[in-house]
Amino acid sequence: MLTEEFKKKVFLDQGGKNKKANVDHILVRDYVREVDIGAFQSEYGVKQRVSFNVILEVDTNSYPMHDNVDLVLSYDNIIEVIKDEIGQKRVALLETLAEHIALSCLCLDSVVNVTVRLEKLDRGMGKLGVQISRTKEQPNESETNMKTLRRGNLVLKTKIPNTGLLFISNRIPGPENINRLKKFISTSKMTWVICVSEIFSEFSKMKPENHIEILRMSVAQNAYMLNKKINNWKLARSKTEVAFLLKEGVNCIWCPSDLFKFSKKDVFLKKEFALSMACKLTKGLLMQKVYLFQQDKLADILTENIENKGLTVEYCLE
């Protein structure tokens, strides 16, 4: 039996609310960037090193116990917020920059509390800085300011510039087309994630409601086959891994694993399981186009259905 003393250590009553016993944090420590910041005249136009430390408390009730990278907040989201805020209009005070970073982080899904510590590294023998904490439940001016943030624009930060998703059928990796695919990718100025069809046409005849895992594995098997033919491309098994590689400028092949949550309700194109999966990945990466080669030209009804999902189909010029 738990003693009352032990209970008091675990649950601290604050204003009638119990503090959570289990708390999860995601953090970035000692991330250093050169920033034009400062209130003194000598600091204007002179970049100085600033160390960023950000700790996010996340809601652990959003999802059940899992080991899925696509269901957790990425460290990259914190870095993206920092990069975006230091790229905005110059501010004089670390306090102002810390506030902007904190409020932007609070707009990320599942974040309930954020602590931001900023330190100037070039203003003396030690580190000079500030540390602030903000929460979504904090009834002060910060909460009001947070509500005025352009959440839509914040989401756009996770878009990856100059990248595309190319869906290919089984005719493209064939002997007559594989070199054309290689040449297209090698000469393109964009970074690509390649999505393939099922490995054999027989798989495409299966009904997704009964064989969704078999179909997913058939797509993954085809990705392995393509990887053997183009061995300098990475295989990416989750949406998060795809995003990481694209940000690094690395072409990759989508090799969906069970980490990618895809159910029969996501199959909106009849008898086009792999293309439906590619469309979901496209939207998950906040892209707006699905690219294809002319050899894989879709029937008008398929194109129309894809456009009804908020995507467009564009054919690559080889």
Protein backbone atom coordinates (compact mmCIF):
# COMPACT_ATOMS: atom_id res chain seq x y z
CA MET A 1 0.00 0.00 0.00
CA LEU A 2 1.27 3.46 -0.88
CA THR A 3 1.92 5.75 2.05
CA GLU A 4 0.41 9.24 2.19
CA GLU A 5 3.91 10.70 2.20
CA PHE A 6 4.77 8.89 -1.03
CA LYS A 7 1.54 10.06 -2.64
CA LYS A 8 2.36 13.67 -1.76
CA LYS A 9 5.73 13.33 -3.46
CA VAL A 10 4.15 12.00 -6.64
CA PHE A 11 1.07 14.24 -6.76
CA LEU A 12 1.59 17.89 -5.87
CA ASP A 13 -1.67 19.74 -5.62
CA GLN A 14 -1.51 23.15 -7.30
CA GLY A 15 -4.72 25.16 -7.24
CA GLY A 16 -6.86 22.04 -7.05
CA LYS A 17 -5.09 20.33 -9.99
CA ASN A 18 -2.81 17.33 -9.68
CA LYS A 19 0.57 17.52 -11.32
CA LYS A 20 1.17 14.66 -13.72
CA ALA A 21 3.41 11.90 -12.41
CA ASN A 22 4.59 10.87 -15.88
CA VAL A 23 5.89 13.54 -18.21
CA ASP A 24 7.57 13.19 -21.62
CA HIS A 25 9.96 15.78 -23.01
CA ILE A 26 11.56 16.32 -26.41
CA LEU A 27 14.61 18.55 -26.40
CA VAL A 28 17.30 20.20 -28.47
CA ARG A 29 20.41 21.19 -26.54
CA ASP A 30 23.34 23.45 -27.36
CA TYR A 31 22.22 24.19 -30.91
CA VAL A 32 24.43 27.13 -31.95
CA ARG A 33 23.64 29.63 -34.70
CA GLU A 34 25.09 33.01 -35.66
CA VAL A 35 22.40 35.65 -35.17
CA ASP A 36 22.18 39.42 -35.70
CA ILE A 37 20.69 40.39 -32.35
CA GLY A 38 21.33 42.91 -29.60
CA ALA A 39 20.27 46.29 -28.27
CA PHE A 40 23.68 47.98 -28.33
CA GLN A 41 24.86 49.88 -31.39
CA SER A 42 27.98 47.74 -31.52
CA GLU A 43 25.79 44.65 -32.00
CA TYR A 44 23.95 45.88 -35.08
CA GLY A 45 25.05 44.21 -38.29
CA VAL A 46 27.43 41.92 -36.43
CA LYS A 47 26.39 38.31 -36.08
CA GLN A 48 27.19 36.63 -32.80
CA ARG A 49 26.88 33.05 -31.65
CA VAL A 50 23.72 32.18 -29.76
CA SER A 51 23.14 28.81 -28.08
CA PHE A 52 19.57 27.49 -28.25
CA ASN A 53 18.13 25.04 -25.74
CA VAL A 54 14.48 24.09 -26.17
CA ILE A 55 12.53 21.57 -24.12
CA LEU A 56 9.00 20.58 -25.15
CA GLU A 57 6.59 18.79 -22.85
CA VAL A 58 4.27 16.67 -24.97
CA ASP A 59 0.88 15.17 -24.31
CA THR A 60 1.39 11.47 -23.63
CA ASN A 61 -2.33 10.75 -23.89
CA SER A 62 -2.53 11.47 -27.62
CA TYR A 63 -1.53 7.96 -28.66
CA PRO A 64 -1.32 4.52 -27.02
CA MET A 65 2.06 2.91 -26.36
CA HIS A 66 3.85 2.56 -29.70
CA ASP A 67 7.23 2.44 -31.41
CA ASN A 68 6.27 4.44 -34.50
CA VAL A 69 8.47 7.35 -35.54
CA ASP A 70 5.60 8.89 -37.53
CA LEU A 71 3.53 9.30 -34.36
CA VAL A 72 6.01 11.37 -32.39
CA LEU A 73 7.03 15.00 -32.68
CA SER A 74 10.28 15.24 -34.60
CA TYR A 75 13.35 17.03 -33.29
CA ASP A 76 13.47 18.62 -36.72
CA ASN A 77 10.31 20.55 -35.89
CA ILE A 78 12.16 22.38 -33.12
CA ILE A 79 15.08 23.18 -35.42
CA GLU A 80 12.65 24.43 -38.08
CA VAL A 81 11.00 26.77 -35.58
CA ILE A 82 14.37 28.17 -34.49
CA LYS A 83 15.55 28.67 -38.09
CA ASP A 84 12.30 30.36 -39.04
CA GLU A 85 12.28 32.74 -36.09
CA ILE A 86 15.89 33.89 -36.51
CA GLY A 87 15.10 34.46 -40.18
CA GLN A 88 12.32 36.91 -39.33
CA LYS A 89 12.67 40.64 -38.65
CA ARG A 90 15.63 41.48 -36.43
CA VAL A 91 14.93 41.80 -32.70
CA ALA A 92 17.02 43.48 -30.06
CA LEU A 93 16.35 41.27 -27.06
CA LEU A 94 16.93 37.61 -26.40
CA GLU A 95 13.69 37.74 -24.40
CA THR A 96 11.76 38.66 -27.55
CA LEU A 97 13.34 35.89 -29.64
CA ALA A 98 12.74 33.36 -26.86
CA GLU A 99 9.08 34.39 -26.66
CA HIS A 100 8.62 33.97 -30.41
CA ILE A 101 10.22 30.52 -30.36
CA ALA A 102 8.12 29.45 -27.38
CA LEU A 103 4.83 30.55 -28.92
CA SER A 104 5.62 28.87 -32.24
CA CYS A 105 6.53 25.63 -30.47
CA LEU A 106 3.23 25.72 -28.59
CA CYS A 107 1.46 25.61 -31.94
CA LEU A 108 3.02 22.24 -32.74
CA ASP A 109 0.71 19.28 -32.26
CA SER A 110 0.75 17.63 -28.80
CA VAL A 111 2.99 20.29 -27.18
CA VAL A 112 1.59 21.51 -23.85
CA ASN A 113 4.58 23.29 -22.35
CA VAL A 114 7.84 24.73 -23.62
CA THR A 115 11.03 25.98 -21.97
CA VAL A 116 13.45 28.07 -24.02
CA ARG A 117 16.94 29.08 -22.92
CA LEU A 118 19.03 31.37 -25.13
CA GLU A 119 22.64 32.30 -24.38
CA LYS A 120 25.04 34.67 -26.09
CA LEU A 121 28.45 33.07 -26.33
CA ASP A 122 30.53 36.05 -27.49
CA ARG A 123 29.61 38.75 -24.96
CA GLY A 124 32.19 38.14 -22.26
CA MET A 125 34.01 35.37 -20.47
CA GLY A 126 30.86 33.36 -19.76
CA LYS A 127 27.40 32.87 -21.21
CA LEU A 128 24.76 35.60 -20.98
CA GLY A 129 21.18 34.66 -21.58
CA VAL A 130 17.55 34.19 -20.62
CA GLN A 131 15.25 31.28 -19.90
CA ILE A 132 11.46 31.34 -20.17
CA SER A 133 8.66 28.79 -19.83
CA ARG A 134 5.25 29.00 -21.50
CA THR A 135 2.22 26.72 -21.45
CA LYS A 136 -0.99 26.49 -23.43
CA GLU A 137 -2.98 26.57 -20.20
CA GLN A 138 -1.30 29.68 -18.86
CA PRO A 139 -3.95 32.45 -18.65
CA ASN A 140 -1.83 35.44 -19.49
CA GLU A 141 -0.97 37.66 -22.42
CA SER A 142 1.20 34.96 -23.97
CA GLU A 143 -1.83 32.74 -24.46
CA THR A 144 -3.64 35.57 -26.23
CA ASN A 145 -0.64 36.17 -28.46
CA MET A 146 -0.45 32.47 -29.25
CA LYS A 147 -4.00 32.47 -30.55
CA THR A 148 -3.11 35.20 -33.03
CA LEU A 149 -0.27 33.20 -34.54
CA ARG A 150 -0.74 32.14 -38.14
CA ARG A 151 -0.97 28.42 -37.46
CA GLY A 152 -1.37 27.73 -41.18
CA ASN A 153 1.97 29.36 -41.89
CA LEU A 154 3.56 27.46 -39.05
CA VAL A 155 2.52 24.18 -40.62
CA LEU A 156 4.15 25.30 -43.86
CA LYS A 157 7.50 25.19 -42.11
CA THR A 158 7.45 21.42 -42.39
CA LYS A 159 7.25 21.62 -46.18
CA ILE A 160 10.48 20.56 -47.83
CA PRO A 161 11.45 22.87 -50.70
CA ASN A 162 12.49 21.71 -54.15
CA THR A 163 11.36 18.11 -53.65
CA GLY A 164 8.88 15.85 -55.39
CA LEU A 165 7.18 12.46 -55.22
CA LEU A 166 7.43 10.36 -58.38
CA PHE A 167 5.12 7.36 -58.74
CA ILE A 168 6.25 4.72 -61.22
CA SER A 169 4.60 1.58 -62.53
CA ASN A 170 6.42 -1.70 -63.16
CA ARG A 171 7.17 -0.74 -66.75
CA ILE A 172 9.60 2.01 -65.67
CA PRO A 173 12.21 -0.22 -63.91
CA GLY A 174 12.16 -2.53 -66.93
CA PRO A 175 15.22 -2.87 -69.20
CA GLU A 176 13.87 -0.41 -71.78
CA ASN A 177 13.16 2.39 -69.28
CA ILE A 178 15.48 2.03 -66.26
CA ASN A 179 18.26 4.12 -67.84
CA ARG A 180 15.75 6.86 -68.65
CA LEU A 181 14.72 6.89 -64.99
CA LYS A 182 18.35 7.13 -63.87
CA LYS A 183 19.07 9.94 -66.31
CA PHE A 184 15.98 11.87 -65.26
CA ILE A 185 16.90 11.74 -61.58
CA SER A 186 20.59 12.51 -62.15
CA THR A 187 19.82 15.61 -64.24
CA SER A 188 16.90 16.87 -62.17
CA LYS A 189 17.37 19.91 -59.94
CA MET A 190 14.86 18.49 -57.48
CA THR A 191 15.25 15.82 -54.79
CA TRP A 192 12.91 12.86 -55.25
CA VAL A 193 11.16 10.13 -53.33
CA ILE A 194 10.22 7.31 -55.69
CA CYS A 195 7.04 5.34 -55.01
CA VAL A 196 6.58 2.04 -56.81
CA SER A 197 3.62 -0.16 -57.65
CA GLU A 198 3.01 -3.70 -56.35
CA ILE A 199 5.76 -6.11 -57.38
CA PHE A 200 3.46 -8.27 -59.54
CA SER A 201 0.25 -7.35 -61.30
CA GLU A 202 -1.49 -10.25 -59.54
CA PHE A 203 -1.24 -8.35 -56.26
CA SER A 204 -3.15 -5.39 -57.67
CA LYS A 205 -6.18 -7.65 -58.14
CA MET A 206 -6.44 -8.30 -54.40
CA LYS A 207 -9.08 -6.48 -52.41
CA PRO A 208 -7.48 -4.03 -49.94
CA GLU A 209 -10.14 -4.65 -47.28
CA ASN A 210 -8.96 -8.26 -47.03
CA HIS A 211 -5.28 -8.14 -47.98
CA ILE A 212 -3.98 -4.70 -47.06
CA GLU A 213 -0.84 -6.00 -45.31
CA ILE A 214 0.02 -8.31 -48.20
CA LEU A 215 -0.39 -5.42 -50.64
CA ARG A 216 1.78 -3.15 -48.51
CA MET A 217 4.52 -5.79 -48.36
CA SER A 218 4.30 -6.29 -52.13
CA VAL A 219 5.01 -2.58 -52.60
CA ALA A 220 7.94 -2.80 -50.17
CA GLN A 221 9.31 -5.84 -52.01
CA ASN A 222 9.21 -3.94 -55.28
CA ALA A 223 11.11 -1.10 -53.60
CA TYR A 224 13.87 -3.56 -52.70
CA MET A 225 13.99 -4.75 -56.31
CA LEU A 226 14.35 -1.18 -57.56
CA ASN A 227 17.03 -0.51 -54.96
CA LYS A 228 19.12 -3.34 -56.43
CA LYS A 229 18.93 -1.72 -59.84
CA ILE A 230 19.74 1.76 -58.48
CA ASN A 231 21.96 0.90 -55.53
CA ASN A 232 22.94 4.46 -54.63
CA TRP A 233 19.44 5.38 -53.44
CA LYS A 234 18.34 5.03 -49.85
CA LEU A 235 15.31 3.02 -48.76
CA ALA A 236 12.95 4.98 -46.49
CA ARG A 237 10.51 2.99 -44.35
CA SER A 238 8.55 5.77 -42.66
CA LYS A 239 7.25 9.22 -43.55
CA THR A 240 9.67 10.73 -41.02
CA GLU A 241 12.63 8.97 -42.66
CA VAL A 242 11.52 10.17 -46.09
CA ALA A 243 11.30 13.76 -44.82
CA PHE A 244 14.75 13.54 -43.21
CA LEU A 245 16.42 12.26 -46.39
CA LEU A 246 14.69 14.84 -48.61
CA LYS A 247 15.83 17.65 -46.29
CA GLU A 248 19.38 16.33 -46.66
CA GLY A 249 19.03 16.44 -50.45
CA VAL A 250 19.13 12.64 -50.74
CA ASN A 251 16.98 10.81 -53.30
CA CYS A 252 15.17 7.85 -51.79
CA ILE A 253 12.82 4.97 -52.52
CA TRP A 254 9.64 4.64 -50.47
CA CYS A 255 9.66 1.20 -48.82
CA PRO A 256 6.55 1.28 -46.61
CA SER A 257 6.67 -0.68 -43.38
CA ASP A 258 4.03 -1.20 -40.73
CA LEU A 259 5.19 2.13 -39.26
CA PHE A 260 3.16 3.82 -41.99
CA LYS A 261 -0.46 3.72 -40.86
CA PHE A 262 -2.52 2.94 -43.91
CA SER A 263 -6.01 1.47 -43.69
CA LYS A 264 -8.69 0.44 -46.16
CA LYS A 265 -10.38 3.83 -45.80
CA ASP A 266 -7.25 5.38 -47.32
CA VAL A 267 -7.66 3.36 -50.53
CA PHE A 268 -9.68 5.89 -52.51
CA LEU A 269 -8.60 4.68 -55.96
CA LYS A 270 -10.19 1.36 -56.91
CA LYS A 271 -7.62 -1.30 -57.84
CA GLU A 272 -4.85 1.29 -57.38
CA PHE A 273 -3.58 0.42 -53.92
CA ALA A 274 0.02 1.58 -54.39
CA LEU A 275 -1.04 4.86 -55.98
CA SER A 276 -3.49 5.51 -53.13
CA MET A 277 -0.66 4.92 -50.68
CA ALA A 278 1.61 7.27 -52.64
CA CYS A 279 -1.09 9.96 -52.55
CA LYS A 280 -1.39 9.68 -48.78
CA LEU A 281 2.38 10.00 -48.43
CA THR A 282 2.29 13.05 -50.72
CA LYS A 283 -0.24 14.79 -48.48
CA GLY A 284 1.64 13.70 -45.36
CA LEU A 285 4.74 15.44 -46.70
CA LEU A 286 2.63 18.56 -47.37
CA MET A 287 3.27 18.28 -51.09
CA GLN A 288 0.60 19.20 -53.61
CA LYS A 289 1.62 17.20 -56.69
CA VAL A 290 2.07 13.58 -57.64
CA TYR A 291 4.55 13.26 -60.52
CA LEU A 292 4.42 10.51 -63.17
CA PHE A 293 6.11 9.69 -66.45
CA GLN A 294 4.12 9.85 -69.68
CA GLN A 295 4.40 6.05 -69.96
CA ASP A 296 2.29 5.84 -66.77
CA LYS A 297 -0.38 8.27 -67.91
CA LEU A 298 -3.50 7.84 -65.78
CA ALA A 299 -7.07 7.48 -66.92
CA ASP A 300 -9.03 10.70 -66.57
CA ILE A 301 -11.21 9.23 -63.82
CA LEU A 302 -8.13 8.45 -61.70
CA THR A 303 -6.72 11.94 -62.23
CA GLU A 304 -10.07 13.43 -61.27
CA ASN A 305 -10.26 11.36 -58.09
CA ILE A 306 -6.74 12.42 -57.11
CA GLU A 307 -7.60 16.08 -57.70
CA ASN A 308 -10.68 15.65 -55.51
CA LYS A 309 -8.27 14.82 -52.69
CA GLY A 310 -6.57 18.20 -53.06
CA LEU A 311 -3.63 16.96 -55.16
CA THR A 312 -2.69 17.51 -58.78
CA VAL A 313 -1.03 15.14 -61.24
CA GLU A 314 1.94 16.40 -63.26
CA TYR A 315 3.84 14.50 -65.92
CA CYS A 316 7.62 14.76 -65.97
CA LEU A 317 9.45 15.99 -69.03
CA GLU A 318 12.16 13.41 -69.69
